[in-house]
Amino acid sequence: MKRFSLLLLLIAIAPAAPAAPLERDLGLGLVFCRVHTLPGDLPTSESLQRHAWILDVRYVAGDRAAATALTGWLKFHASATTPVLLLANAETSAVLLAPFTAADAIAGLIILGPARSDFTPDIAVAVKPGVERRAYHALETGTAIEALITEKVDKVRNDEAMLAREHLPDSALSNPPDDGAAPAAPAAPPLLDPVLQRAVQLHRTLIALKRISAG
C-alpha cells in the first residue's frame, strides 16, 4: 500500500510533458508550425524540402542556445523564393529575436506581430493583447486553423435585407411593426487571429505577384 501511495505521489509531482509543436498544411506550399520550446520543436521532418513556412514563436522563452538554433534553422529555410513568416510579439523572449535586428538580416525572413514600445516587427498587425492570446489558445484547444484566419460573410442576411428594400414600401422599413419582443443582442464577432491571418494573406499576395511559386 505504501509503495502504491508513493507511486501516486511521484506521478502527481512529476513535471508535465511539454506540448508538442502544432503543424498544419495551409496549401499552396505554405506550412504552419507553432513551437512551444526551442530548439526541440523546430521542424525537422521536412528539412530537405524547400517551401514557405509560418513559424509561430509567440510567447516562447529561450536562452542564447535556443536563439542560435532558431537562427540556424531560419538561415537554412528562409530565402527569397521560400520565405519564412515569423510570428512574434512582445512576450517572445527578446534573446530569441535579438539576432534579427542586426544589419545582416536573413533574406526571406519577415517578422509579423503587434508593435509595442519594445518590439518592432517588419509588419505590424493591430490586435489587442487579450484577443491575440485567446486566438492563440483557441488553436491549442482544437479550433480549426481555417476558422481563425477566415472572416465570416453573412451573405444570406444581406440578400434578405436587399429583397426587403426592393419589395416593401419605405414606410414599412422606417417603421417596422412592434411585436413587443426585445431586440436581439448583436452576435459576438468570430474569434480571429489577425497576425496569423495577415501572414497567410501575405503569402497569397506574394504568389499573386509571382514573387514566389505555389507548391
N, C-alpha and C. Protein backbone atom coordinates (compact mmCIF):
# COMPACT_ATOMS: atom_id res chain seq x y z
N MET A 1 0.83 -1.20 0.00
CA MET A 1 0.00 0.00 0.00
C MET A 1 0.86 1.26 0.00
N LYS A 2 1.95 1.21 0.82
CA LYS A 2 2.84 2.37 0.87
C LYS A 2 3.51 2.59 -0.47
N ARG A 3 3.89 1.47 -1.13
CA ARG A 3 4.54 1.60 -2.42
C ARG A 3 3.59 2.21 -3.45
N PHE A 4 2.32 1.82 -3.39
CA PHE A 4 1.31 2.36 -4.31
C PHE A 4 1.12 3.86 -4.06
N SER A 5 1.07 4.26 -2.78
CA SER A 5 0.89 5.67 -2.45
C SER A 5 2.08 6.49 -2.90
N LEU A 6 3.28 5.92 -2.77
CA LEU A 6 4.47 6.63 -3.21
C LEU A 6 4.46 6.83 -4.73
N LEU A 7 3.96 5.82 -5.45
CA LEU A 7 3.87 5.93 -6.91
C LEU A 7 2.92 7.05 -7.31
N LEU A 8 1.78 7.14 -6.64
CA LEU A 8 0.83 8.21 -6.94
C LEU A 8 1.44 9.57 -6.65
N LEU A 9 2.20 9.68 -5.58
CA LEU A 9 2.83 10.94 -5.23
C LEU A 9 3.83 11.36 -6.29
N LEU A 10 4.62 10.41 -6.80
CA LEU A 10 5.60 10.73 -7.82
C LEU A 10 4.93 11.19 -9.12
N ILE A 11 3.80 10.56 -9.45
CA ILE A 11 3.06 10.96 -10.66
C ILE A 11 2.52 12.37 -10.49
N ALA A 12 2.04 12.67 -9.28
CA ALA A 12 1.43 13.97 -9.05
C ALA A 12 2.43 15.10 -9.14
N ILE A 13 3.67 14.87 -8.68
CA ILE A 13 4.65 15.95 -8.66
C ILE A 13 5.53 15.95 -9.90
N ALA A 14 5.37 14.97 -10.77
CA ALA A 14 6.19 14.91 -11.98
C ALA A 14 5.84 16.08 -12.88
N PRO A 15 6.81 16.74 -13.51
CA PRO A 15 6.52 17.86 -14.40
C PRO A 15 5.75 17.40 -15.62
N ALA A 16 4.81 18.25 -16.05
CA ALA A 16 4.01 17.91 -17.22
C ALA A 16 4.88 17.93 -18.46
N ALA A 17 4.59 17.02 -19.38
CA ALA A 17 5.34 16.97 -20.62
C ALA A 17 5.05 18.21 -21.45
N PRO A 18 6.05 18.79 -22.09
CA PRO A 18 5.82 19.98 -22.89
C PRO A 18 4.90 19.67 -24.06
N ALA A 19 4.09 20.68 -24.44
CA ALA A 19 3.17 20.49 -25.55
C ALA A 19 3.94 20.27 -26.84
N ALA A 20 3.43 19.38 -27.66
CA ALA A 20 4.08 19.10 -28.93
C ALA A 20 3.86 20.26 -29.89
N PRO A 21 4.75 20.46 -30.84
CA PRO A 21 4.55 21.53 -31.81
C PRO A 21 3.31 21.27 -32.65
N LEU A 22 2.63 22.34 -33.04
CA LEU A 22 1.47 22.24 -33.90
C LEU A 22 1.90 22.50 -35.33
N GLU A 23 1.55 21.61 -36.22
CA GLU A 23 1.94 21.77 -37.62
C GLU A 23 0.71 21.56 -38.50
N ARG A 24 0.50 22.47 -39.45
CA ARG A 24 -0.64 22.40 -40.35
C ARG A 24 -0.21 22.77 -41.77
N ASP A 25 -0.74 22.04 -42.75
CA ASP A 25 -0.51 22.36 -44.16
C ASP A 25 -1.61 23.33 -44.60
N LEU A 26 -1.21 24.54 -44.98
CA LEU A 26 -2.17 25.57 -45.37
C LEU A 26 -2.35 25.66 -46.88
N GLY A 27 -1.76 24.74 -47.61
CA GLY A 27 -1.93 24.71 -49.05
C GLY A 27 -1.05 25.69 -49.79
N LEU A 28 -0.91 25.49 -51.08
CA LEU A 28 -0.12 26.34 -51.96
C LEU A 28 1.33 26.44 -51.49
N GLY A 29 1.82 25.36 -50.91
CA GLY A 29 3.22 25.33 -50.50
C GLY A 29 3.52 26.05 -49.20
N LEU A 30 2.52 26.30 -48.38
CA LEU A 30 2.71 27.01 -47.10
C LEU A 30 2.42 26.05 -45.95
N VAL A 31 3.36 25.94 -45.02
CA VAL A 31 3.19 25.09 -43.85
C VAL A 31 3.31 25.95 -42.59
N PHE A 32 2.37 25.75 -41.67
CA PHE A 32 2.37 26.46 -40.39
C PHE A 32 2.93 25.56 -39.31
N CYS A 33 3.79 26.12 -38.48
CA CYS A 33 4.31 25.38 -37.33
C CYS A 33 4.38 26.30 -36.14
N ARG A 34 3.79 25.88 -35.04
CA ARG A 34 3.87 26.62 -33.78
C ARG A 34 4.78 25.85 -32.83
N VAL A 35 5.80 26.53 -32.36
CA VAL A 35 6.70 25.90 -31.41
C VAL A 35 6.40 26.40 -30.01
N HIS A 36 6.66 25.55 -29.03
CA HIS A 36 6.48 25.91 -27.63
C HIS A 36 7.81 26.01 -26.90
N THR A 37 8.76 25.16 -27.29
CA THR A 37 10.09 25.19 -26.70
C THR A 37 11.13 25.09 -27.81
N LEU A 38 12.24 25.75 -27.59
CA LEU A 38 13.34 25.72 -28.55
C LEU A 38 14.58 25.13 -27.89
N PRO A 39 15.34 24.36 -28.67
CA PRO A 39 15.18 24.08 -30.11
C PRO A 39 14.37 22.85 -30.43
N GLY A 40 13.84 22.16 -29.41
CA GLY A 40 13.22 20.85 -29.62
C GLY A 40 12.05 20.84 -30.58
N ASP A 41 11.30 21.95 -30.67
CA ASP A 41 10.10 21.95 -31.50
C ASP A 41 10.34 22.40 -32.93
N LEU A 42 11.55 22.77 -33.28
CA LEU A 42 11.80 23.20 -34.66
C LEU A 42 11.58 22.03 -35.62
N PRO A 43 10.87 22.25 -36.70
CA PRO A 43 10.56 21.15 -37.63
C PRO A 43 11.83 20.54 -38.22
N THR A 44 11.82 19.24 -38.32
CA THR A 44 12.96 18.53 -38.92
C THR A 44 12.51 17.54 -39.98
N SER A 45 11.25 17.11 -39.95
CA SER A 45 10.80 16.04 -40.85
C SER A 45 10.87 16.45 -42.31
N GLU A 46 10.75 17.75 -42.59
CA GLU A 46 10.75 18.20 -43.98
C GLU A 46 11.97 19.07 -44.26
N SER A 47 13.04 18.84 -43.53
CA SER A 47 14.21 19.70 -43.66
C SER A 47 14.81 19.68 -45.06
N LEU A 48 14.56 18.62 -45.83
CA LEU A 48 15.11 18.52 -47.17
C LEU A 48 14.17 19.10 -48.23
N GLN A 49 12.96 19.50 -47.82
CA GLN A 49 12.01 20.06 -48.76
C GLN A 49 11.95 21.57 -48.55
N ARG A 50 12.08 22.32 -49.63
CA ARG A 50 12.08 23.77 -49.54
C ARG A 50 10.69 24.30 -49.88
N HIS A 51 10.10 25.02 -48.94
CA HIS A 51 8.80 25.65 -49.15
C HIS A 51 8.66 26.79 -48.15
N ALA A 52 7.61 27.55 -48.30
CA ALA A 52 7.36 28.67 -47.39
C ALA A 52 6.85 28.15 -46.04
N TRP A 53 7.21 28.87 -44.99
CA TRP A 53 6.80 28.50 -43.63
C TRP A 53 6.16 29.69 -42.93
N ILE A 54 5.21 29.39 -42.05
CA ILE A 54 4.82 30.31 -40.99
C ILE A 54 5.30 29.67 -39.71
N LEU A 55 6.23 30.32 -39.03
CA LEU A 55 6.78 29.80 -37.79
C LEU A 55 6.30 30.69 -36.65
N ASP A 56 5.52 30.13 -35.76
CA ASP A 56 4.89 30.88 -34.67
C ASP A 56 5.70 30.72 -33.39
N VAL A 57 6.37 31.80 -32.98
CA VAL A 57 7.15 31.76 -31.73
C VAL A 57 6.60 32.75 -30.71
N ARG A 58 5.33 33.08 -30.83
CA ARG A 58 4.72 33.97 -29.84
C ARG A 58 4.70 33.29 -28.46
N TYR A 59 5.00 34.07 -27.44
CA TYR A 59 5.01 33.63 -26.04
C TYR A 59 6.11 32.61 -25.74
N VAL A 60 7.08 32.46 -26.63
CA VAL A 60 8.14 31.47 -26.43
C VAL A 60 9.32 32.10 -25.70
N ALA A 61 9.82 31.42 -24.68
CA ALA A 61 11.01 31.84 -23.96
C ALA A 61 12.21 31.07 -24.50
N GLY A 62 13.40 31.62 -24.28
CA GLY A 62 14.59 30.92 -24.75
C GLY A 62 15.86 31.65 -24.34
N ASP A 63 16.96 30.91 -24.33
CA ASP A 63 18.26 31.48 -24.00
C ASP A 63 19.09 31.64 -25.26
N ARG A 64 20.38 31.92 -25.09
CA ARG A 64 21.23 32.13 -26.27
C ARG A 64 21.37 30.86 -27.11
N ALA A 65 21.39 29.72 -26.46
CA ALA A 65 21.49 28.47 -27.22
C ALA A 65 20.24 28.28 -28.08
N ALA A 66 19.08 28.60 -27.52
CA ALA A 66 17.84 28.50 -28.29
C ALA A 66 17.85 29.50 -29.45
N ALA A 67 18.36 30.71 -29.19
CA ALA A 67 18.43 31.72 -30.24
C ALA A 67 19.37 31.27 -31.37
N THR A 68 20.46 30.64 -31.02
CA THR A 68 21.39 30.14 -32.03
C THR A 68 20.74 29.07 -32.90
N ALA A 69 19.99 28.17 -32.26
CA ALA A 69 19.31 27.11 -33.00
C ALA A 69 18.24 27.70 -33.92
N LEU A 70 17.48 28.67 -33.42
CA LEU A 70 16.44 29.30 -34.23
C LEU A 70 17.06 30.03 -35.42
N THR A 71 18.14 30.75 -35.17
CA THR A 71 18.80 31.48 -36.26
C THR A 71 19.31 30.53 -37.33
N GLY A 72 19.90 29.42 -36.89
CA GLY A 72 20.40 28.45 -37.85
C GLY A 72 19.28 27.84 -38.68
N TRP A 73 18.16 27.55 -38.04
CA TRP A 73 17.01 26.98 -38.76
C TRP A 73 16.50 27.98 -39.79
N LEU A 74 16.39 29.24 -39.40
CA LEU A 74 15.87 30.25 -40.31
C LEU A 74 16.82 30.48 -41.49
N LYS A 75 18.11 30.49 -41.23
CA LYS A 75 19.07 30.68 -42.32
C LYS A 75 19.01 29.54 -43.32
N PHE A 76 18.70 28.34 -42.84
CA PHE A 76 18.61 27.19 -43.74
C PHE A 76 17.34 27.24 -44.59
N HIS A 77 16.21 27.65 -43.98
CA HIS A 77 14.92 27.55 -44.66
C HIS A 77 14.49 28.82 -45.40
N ALA A 78 14.87 29.98 -44.90
CA ALA A 78 14.37 31.22 -45.48
C ALA A 78 15.18 31.62 -46.70
N SER A 79 14.47 32.04 -47.75
CA SER A 79 15.11 32.57 -48.95
C SER A 79 14.09 33.44 -49.66
N ALA A 80 14.53 34.10 -50.71
CA ALA A 80 13.62 34.97 -51.45
C ALA A 80 12.46 34.20 -52.06
N THR A 81 12.67 32.93 -52.40
CA THR A 81 11.62 32.13 -53.02
C THR A 81 10.90 31.21 -52.04
N THR A 82 11.46 31.03 -50.85
CA THR A 82 10.81 30.23 -49.80
C THR A 82 10.85 31.03 -48.50
N PRO A 83 10.01 32.06 -48.39
CA PRO A 83 10.06 32.93 -47.21
C PRO A 83 9.62 32.20 -45.95
N VAL A 84 10.12 32.69 -44.83
CA VAL A 84 9.64 32.26 -43.52
C VAL A 84 8.97 33.47 -42.88
N LEU A 85 7.70 33.33 -42.57
CA LEU A 85 6.93 34.38 -41.92
C LEU A 85 6.91 34.06 -40.44
N LEU A 86 7.66 34.84 -39.66
CA LEU A 86 7.86 34.57 -38.24
C LEU A 86 6.86 35.38 -37.43
N LEU A 87 5.99 34.67 -36.70
CA LEU A 87 5.01 35.34 -35.85
C LEU A 87 5.60 35.51 -34.46
N ALA A 88 5.67 36.73 -33.98
CA ALA A 88 6.25 37.01 -32.67
C ALA A 88 5.49 38.16 -32.03
N ASN A 89 5.73 38.38 -30.75
CA ASN A 89 5.12 39.51 -30.06
C ASN A 89 6.03 39.95 -28.92
N ALA A 90 5.56 40.91 -28.15
CA ALA A 90 6.39 41.46 -27.08
C ALA A 90 6.67 40.43 -25.99
N GLU A 91 5.90 39.34 -25.95
CA GLU A 91 6.12 38.30 -24.96
C GLU A 91 7.01 37.19 -25.48
N THR A 92 7.47 37.31 -26.71
CA THR A 92 8.52 36.41 -27.19
C THR A 92 9.84 36.88 -26.58
N SER A 93 10.63 35.95 -26.11
CA SER A 93 11.89 36.31 -25.48
C SER A 93 12.73 37.21 -26.38
N ALA A 94 13.17 38.33 -25.82
CA ALA A 94 13.99 39.26 -26.60
C ALA A 94 15.29 38.62 -27.05
N VAL A 95 15.79 37.66 -26.29
CA VAL A 95 17.02 36.97 -26.67
C VAL A 95 16.84 36.25 -28.00
N LEU A 96 15.66 35.69 -28.22
CA LEU A 96 15.41 34.95 -29.46
C LEU A 96 15.38 35.88 -30.67
N LEU A 97 14.88 37.09 -30.48
CA LEU A 97 14.69 38.00 -31.61
C LEU A 97 15.88 38.91 -31.84
N ALA A 98 16.79 38.98 -30.88
CA ALA A 98 17.92 39.91 -30.99
C ALA A 98 18.73 39.72 -32.27
N PRO A 99 19.01 38.49 -32.72
CA PRO A 99 19.83 38.33 -33.93
C PRO A 99 19.20 38.93 -35.18
N PHE A 100 17.90 39.13 -35.19
CA PHE A 100 17.22 39.59 -36.40
C PHE A 100 17.13 41.10 -36.49
N THR A 101 17.66 41.80 -35.50
CA THR A 101 17.68 43.26 -35.55
C THR A 101 19.01 43.77 -36.10
N ALA A 102 19.90 42.85 -36.39
CA ALA A 102 21.21 43.24 -36.92
C ALA A 102 21.08 43.67 -38.37
N ALA A 103 22.15 44.31 -38.85
CA ALA A 103 22.12 44.82 -40.23
C ALA A 103 22.07 43.69 -41.25
N ASP A 104 22.71 42.57 -40.95
CA ASP A 104 22.73 41.45 -41.89
C ASP A 104 21.51 40.56 -41.67
N ALA A 105 20.34 41.12 -41.93
CA ALA A 105 19.09 40.38 -41.73
C ALA A 105 19.05 39.18 -42.67
N ILE A 106 18.29 38.18 -42.27
CA ILE A 106 18.19 36.95 -43.05
C ILE A 106 17.27 37.19 -44.25
N ALA A 107 17.75 36.92 -45.45
CA ALA A 107 16.94 37.09 -46.65
C ALA A 107 15.76 36.14 -46.61
N GLY A 108 14.57 36.66 -46.91
CA GLY A 108 13.37 35.82 -46.91
C GLY A 108 12.68 35.73 -45.58
N LEU A 109 13.22 36.36 -44.53
CA LEU A 109 12.59 36.34 -43.21
C LEU A 109 11.77 37.60 -43.02
N ILE A 110 10.50 37.42 -42.67
CA ILE A 110 9.59 38.54 -42.41
C ILE A 110 8.94 38.31 -41.05
N ILE A 111 9.11 39.27 -40.14
CA ILE A 111 8.55 39.15 -38.80
C ILE A 111 7.24 39.93 -38.74
N LEU A 112 6.19 39.25 -38.27
CA LEU A 112 4.87 39.88 -38.14
C LEU A 112 4.43 39.80 -36.69
N GLY A 113 3.69 40.82 -36.25
CA GLY A 113 3.16 40.81 -34.89
C GLY A 113 2.69 42.19 -34.49
N PRO A 114 2.07 42.30 -33.33
CA PRO A 114 1.62 43.61 -32.84
C PRO A 114 2.79 44.43 -32.34
N ALA A 115 2.92 45.64 -32.83
CA ALA A 115 4.01 46.51 -32.41
C ALA A 115 3.79 46.98 -30.97
N ARG A 116 4.88 47.03 -30.22
CA ARG A 116 4.87 47.55 -28.86
C ARG A 116 6.10 48.44 -28.71
N SER A 117 6.18 49.12 -27.58
CA SER A 117 7.31 50.03 -27.37
C SER A 117 8.64 49.30 -27.43
N ASP A 118 8.64 48.02 -27.05
CA ASP A 118 9.89 47.25 -27.05
C ASP A 118 9.93 46.17 -28.12
N PHE A 119 9.04 46.27 -29.12
CA PHE A 119 9.01 45.25 -30.17
C PHE A 119 8.52 45.90 -31.46
N THR A 120 9.36 45.88 -32.48
CA THR A 120 9.02 46.49 -33.77
C THR A 120 9.15 45.44 -34.87
N PRO A 121 8.06 44.81 -35.26
CA PRO A 121 8.12 43.79 -36.33
C PRO A 121 8.27 44.43 -37.69
N ASP A 122 8.57 43.62 -38.70
CA ASP A 122 8.61 44.13 -40.07
C ASP A 122 7.23 44.56 -40.53
N ILE A 123 6.22 43.79 -40.16
CA ILE A 123 4.84 44.12 -40.49
C ILE A 123 4.05 44.15 -39.18
N ALA A 124 3.58 45.33 -38.81
CA ALA A 124 2.82 45.48 -37.57
C ALA A 124 1.36 45.16 -37.83
N VAL A 125 0.78 44.38 -36.94
CA VAL A 125 -0.63 43.98 -37.05
C VAL A 125 -1.35 44.49 -35.81
N ALA A 126 -2.42 45.24 -36.02
CA ALA A 126 -3.18 45.78 -34.89
C ALA A 126 -4.05 44.69 -34.28
N VAL A 127 -3.80 44.37 -33.03
CA VAL A 127 -4.61 43.39 -32.30
C VAL A 127 -4.40 43.62 -30.81
N LYS A 128 -5.48 43.55 -30.05
CA LYS A 128 -5.37 43.72 -28.61
C LYS A 128 -4.72 42.48 -27.99
N PRO A 129 -3.91 42.67 -26.97
CA PRO A 129 -3.21 41.52 -26.36
C PRO A 129 -4.16 40.41 -25.92
N GLY A 130 -5.31 40.78 -25.35
CA GLY A 130 -6.25 39.76 -24.90
C GLY A 130 -6.83 38.96 -26.04
N VAL A 131 -7.13 39.63 -27.16
CA VAL A 131 -7.68 38.95 -28.33
C VAL A 131 -6.63 38.01 -28.92
N GLU A 132 -5.39 38.48 -29.00
CA GLU A 132 -4.34 37.63 -29.55
C GLU A 132 -4.13 36.38 -28.71
N ARG A 133 -4.16 36.55 -27.39
CA ARG A 133 -3.94 35.39 -26.52
C ARG A 133 -5.10 34.40 -26.63
N ARG A 134 -6.34 34.90 -26.72
CA ARG A 134 -7.48 33.99 -26.86
C ARG A 134 -7.42 33.23 -28.17
N ALA A 135 -7.06 33.92 -29.24
CA ALA A 135 -6.95 33.25 -30.55
C ALA A 135 -5.83 32.22 -30.53
N TYR A 136 -4.73 32.56 -29.89
CA TYR A 136 -3.61 31.63 -29.76
C TYR A 136 -4.04 30.38 -29.00
N HIS A 137 -4.76 30.59 -27.91
CA HIS A 137 -5.21 29.46 -27.09
C HIS A 137 -6.26 28.63 -27.82
N ALA A 138 -7.08 29.27 -28.66
CA ALA A 138 -8.14 28.54 -29.37
C ALA A 138 -7.56 27.46 -30.25
N LEU A 139 -6.46 27.75 -30.94
CA LEU A 139 -5.83 26.73 -31.77
C LEU A 139 -5.28 25.61 -30.91
N GLU A 140 -4.79 25.94 -29.72
CA GLU A 140 -4.26 24.92 -28.82
C GLU A 140 -5.34 23.95 -28.36
N THR A 141 -6.57 24.43 -28.30
CA THR A 141 -7.65 23.62 -27.74
C THR A 141 -8.58 23.05 -28.80
N GLY A 142 -8.12 23.03 -30.05
CA GLY A 142 -8.87 22.28 -31.06
C GLY A 142 -9.60 23.09 -32.11
N THR A 143 -9.62 24.42 -32.03
CA THR A 143 -10.27 25.21 -33.07
C THR A 143 -9.51 25.04 -34.38
N ALA A 144 -10.24 24.84 -35.46
CA ALA A 144 -9.60 24.67 -36.77
C ALA A 144 -8.88 25.94 -37.16
N ILE A 145 -7.69 25.80 -37.73
CA ILE A 145 -6.91 26.97 -38.10
C ILE A 145 -7.62 27.80 -39.16
N GLU A 146 -8.41 27.16 -40.01
CA GLU A 146 -9.16 27.89 -41.04
C GLU A 146 -10.15 28.86 -40.41
N ALA A 147 -10.74 28.46 -39.27
CA ALA A 147 -11.71 29.32 -38.60
C ALA A 147 -11.06 30.58 -38.04
N LEU A 148 -9.78 30.52 -37.75
CA LEU A 148 -9.07 31.65 -37.15
C LEU A 148 -8.49 32.61 -38.17
N ILE A 149 -8.56 32.25 -39.44
CA ILE A 149 -7.99 33.12 -40.48
C ILE A 149 -9.02 33.52 -41.53
N THR A 150 -10.26 33.05 -41.39
CA THR A 150 -11.29 33.32 -42.40
C THR A 150 -12.42 34.11 -41.77
N GLU A 151 -12.65 35.31 -42.29
CA GLU A 151 -13.74 36.13 -41.79
C GLU A 151 -15.06 35.65 -42.36
N LYS A 152 -16.07 35.61 -41.51
CA LYS A 152 -17.38 35.15 -41.94
C LYS A 152 -18.13 36.27 -42.66
N VAL A 153 -18.79 35.91 -43.76
CA VAL A 153 -19.61 36.84 -44.52
C VAL A 153 -21.05 36.37 -44.45
N ASP A 154 -21.91 37.18 -43.83
CA ASP A 154 -23.31 36.79 -43.65
C ASP A 154 -24.08 37.14 -44.91
N LYS A 155 -23.84 36.39 -45.99
CA LYS A 155 -24.42 36.72 -47.29
C LYS A 155 -25.94 36.55 -47.30
N VAL A 156 -26.45 35.53 -46.63
CA VAL A 156 -27.89 35.29 -46.65
C VAL A 156 -28.63 36.45 -46.05
N ARG A 157 -28.13 36.96 -44.92
CA ARG A 157 -28.81 38.08 -44.27
C ARG A 157 -28.75 39.32 -45.13
N ASN A 158 -27.64 39.56 -45.82
CA ASN A 158 -27.53 40.72 -46.70
C ASN A 158 -28.52 40.62 -47.85
N ASP A 159 -28.67 39.42 -48.42
CA ASP A 159 -29.62 39.23 -49.51
C ASP A 159 -31.05 39.47 -49.04
N GLU A 160 -31.37 39.01 -47.83
CA GLU A 160 -32.72 39.21 -47.31
C GLU A 160 -33.00 40.69 -47.11
N ALA A 161 -32.01 41.44 -46.63
CA ALA A 161 -32.21 42.87 -46.44
C ALA A 161 -32.44 43.56 -47.78
N MET A 162 -31.73 43.15 -48.82
CA MET A 162 -31.90 43.76 -50.13
C MET A 162 -33.29 43.48 -50.69
N LEU A 163 -33.75 42.24 -50.52
CA LEU A 163 -35.09 41.91 -51.01
C LEU A 163 -36.15 42.71 -50.28
N ALA A 164 -35.96 42.92 -48.99
CA ALA A 164 -36.94 43.68 -48.21
C ALA A 164 -37.02 45.12 -48.72
N ARG A 165 -35.88 45.71 -49.03
CA ARG A 165 -35.89 47.08 -49.51
C ARG A 165 -36.55 47.19 -50.89
N GLU A 166 -36.44 46.12 -51.69
CA GLU A 166 -37.00 46.16 -53.04
C GLU A 166 -38.50 45.96 -53.05
N HIS A 167 -39.04 45.22 -52.07
CA HIS A 167 -40.44 44.81 -52.15
C HIS A 167 -41.33 45.43 -51.09
N LEU A 168 -40.79 46.18 -50.14
CA LEU A 168 -41.60 46.81 -49.12
C LEU A 168 -41.56 48.32 -49.29
N PRO A 169 -42.66 49.01 -48.98
CA PRO A 169 -42.64 50.47 -49.06
C PRO A 169 -41.70 51.05 -48.01
N ASP A 170 -41.26 52.29 -48.28
CA ASP A 170 -40.32 52.95 -47.37
C ASP A 170 -40.89 53.07 -45.96
N SER A 171 -42.22 53.28 -45.86
CA SER A 171 -42.82 53.45 -44.53
C SER A 171 -42.69 52.18 -43.70
N ALA A 172 -42.76 51.02 -44.35
CA ALA A 172 -42.67 49.76 -43.62
C ALA A 172 -41.26 49.53 -43.11
N LEU A 173 -40.27 50.02 -43.87
CA LEU A 173 -38.89 49.84 -43.44
C LEU A 173 -38.51 50.81 -42.35
N SER A 174 -39.03 52.04 -42.44
CA SER A 174 -38.68 53.04 -41.44
C SER A 174 -39.47 52.87 -40.15
N ASN A 175 -40.65 52.21 -40.23
CA ASN A 175 -41.47 52.00 -39.05
C ASN A 175 -41.85 50.53 -38.95
N PRO A 176 -40.94 49.67 -38.59
CA PRO A 176 -41.25 48.24 -38.52
C PRO A 176 -42.28 47.98 -37.43
N PRO A 177 -43.13 46.96 -37.59
CA PRO A 177 -44.15 46.66 -36.59
C PRO A 177 -43.52 46.29 -35.25
N ASP A 178 -44.18 46.75 -34.20
CA ASP A 178 -43.70 46.47 -32.85
C ASP A 178 -44.41 45.22 -32.35
N ASP A 179 -43.71 44.10 -32.29
CA ASP A 179 -44.32 42.86 -31.83
C ASP A 179 -44.08 42.64 -30.35
N GLY A 180 -43.52 43.64 -29.68
CA GLY A 180 -43.32 43.53 -28.25
C GLY A 180 -42.06 42.79 -27.84
N ALA A 181 -41.36 42.20 -28.79
CA ALA A 181 -40.16 41.44 -28.46
C ALA A 181 -38.97 42.38 -28.35
N ALA A 182 -38.12 42.12 -27.40
CA ALA A 182 -36.92 42.92 -27.24
C ALA A 182 -35.97 42.66 -28.40
N PRO A 183 -35.28 43.68 -28.86
CA PRO A 183 -34.34 43.47 -29.97
C PRO A 183 -33.24 42.49 -29.57
N ALA A 184 -32.88 41.66 -30.52
CA ALA A 184 -31.86 40.66 -30.24
C ALA A 184 -30.50 41.32 -30.06
N ALA A 185 -29.75 40.83 -29.13
CA ALA A 185 -28.41 41.36 -28.90
C ALA A 185 -27.52 41.01 -30.09
N PRO A 186 -26.67 41.93 -30.48
CA PRO A 186 -25.78 41.62 -31.62
C PRO A 186 -24.87 40.44 -31.30
N ALA A 187 -24.68 39.59 -32.29
CA ALA A 187 -23.84 38.41 -32.10
C ALA A 187 -22.39 38.83 -31.91
N ALA A 188 -21.70 38.10 -31.06
CA ALA A 188 -20.29 38.39 -30.84
C ALA A 188 -19.50 38.10 -32.11
N PRO A 189 -18.57 38.96 -32.46
CA PRO A 189 -17.78 38.71 -33.68
C PRO A 189 -16.98 37.42 -33.54
N PRO A 190 -16.78 36.71 -34.62
CA PRO A 190 -16.00 35.46 -34.55
C PRO A 190 -14.57 35.75 -34.13
N LEU A 191 -13.99 34.81 -33.42
CA LEU A 191 -12.62 34.96 -32.96
C LEU A 191 -11.66 34.72 -34.11
N LEU A 192 -10.82 35.71 -34.39
CA LEU A 192 -9.83 35.60 -35.44
C LEU A 192 -8.44 35.82 -34.86
N ASP A 193 -7.44 35.30 -35.55
CA ASP A 193 -6.05 35.54 -35.20
C ASP A 193 -5.49 36.46 -36.28
N PRO A 194 -5.55 37.79 -36.06
CA PRO A 194 -5.15 38.71 -37.13
C PRO A 194 -3.69 38.56 -37.57
N VAL A 195 -2.81 38.18 -36.66
CA VAL A 195 -1.40 38.03 -37.02
C VAL A 195 -1.21 36.85 -37.97
N LEU A 196 -1.80 35.73 -37.61
CA LEU A 196 -1.74 34.56 -38.47
C LEU A 196 -2.46 34.82 -39.79
N GLN A 197 -3.59 35.48 -39.72
CA GLN A 197 -4.36 35.79 -40.93
C GLN A 197 -3.53 36.66 -41.88
N ARG A 198 -2.83 37.67 -41.34
CA ARG A 198 -2.03 38.54 -42.18
C ARG A 198 -0.89 37.78 -42.83
N ALA A 199 -0.30 36.83 -42.12
CA ALA A 199 0.79 36.04 -42.68
C ALA A 199 0.30 35.22 -43.87
N VAL A 200 -0.86 34.59 -43.74
CA VAL A 200 -1.41 33.80 -44.85
C VAL A 200 -1.73 34.72 -46.03
N GLN A 201 -2.31 35.87 -45.75
CA GLN A 201 -2.64 36.81 -46.82
C GLN A 201 -1.38 37.28 -47.54
N LEU A 202 -0.32 37.52 -46.78
CA LEU A 202 0.94 37.94 -47.39
C LEU A 202 1.50 36.87 -48.31
N HIS A 203 1.44 35.62 -47.87
CA HIS A 203 1.91 34.53 -48.71
C HIS A 203 1.13 34.46 -50.01
N ARG A 204 -0.21 34.58 -49.92
CA ARG A 204 -1.04 34.52 -51.13
C ARG A 204 -0.75 35.71 -52.05
N THR A 205 -0.47 36.87 -51.45
CA THR A 205 -0.15 38.04 -52.26
C THR A 205 1.16 37.86 -53.00
N LEU A 206 2.16 37.30 -52.35
CA LEU A 206 3.44 37.05 -53.00
C LEU A 206 3.29 36.09 -54.17
N ILE A 207 2.39 35.11 -54.02
CA ILE A 207 2.12 34.19 -55.14
C ILE A 207 1.45 34.95 -56.28
N ALA A 208 0.45 35.77 -55.94
CA ALA A 208 -0.28 36.52 -56.98
C ALA A 208 0.65 37.46 -57.74
N LEU A 209 1.63 38.02 -57.03
CA LEU A 209 2.59 38.94 -57.68
C LEU A 209 3.72 38.18 -58.36
N LYS A 210 3.67 36.85 -58.27
CA LYS A 210 4.67 35.97 -58.88
C LYS A 210 6.07 36.21 -58.31
N ARG A 211 6.08 36.59 -57.03
CA ARG A 211 7.36 36.73 -56.34
C ARG A 211 7.85 35.36 -55.86
N ILE A 212 6.89 34.49 -55.55
CA ILE A 212 7.19 33.11 -55.18
C ILE A 212 6.22 32.21 -55.93
N SER A 213 6.50 30.92 -55.92
CA SER A 213 5.64 29.96 -56.62
C SER A 213 4.79 29.21 -55.61
N ALA A 214 3.65 28.74 -56.07
CA ALA A 214 2.77 27.92 -55.22
C ALA A 214 3.22 26.48 -55.27
N GLY A 215 3.38 25.88 -54.08
CA GLY A 215 3.75 24.49 -54.05
C GLY A 215 5.25 24.28 -54.09
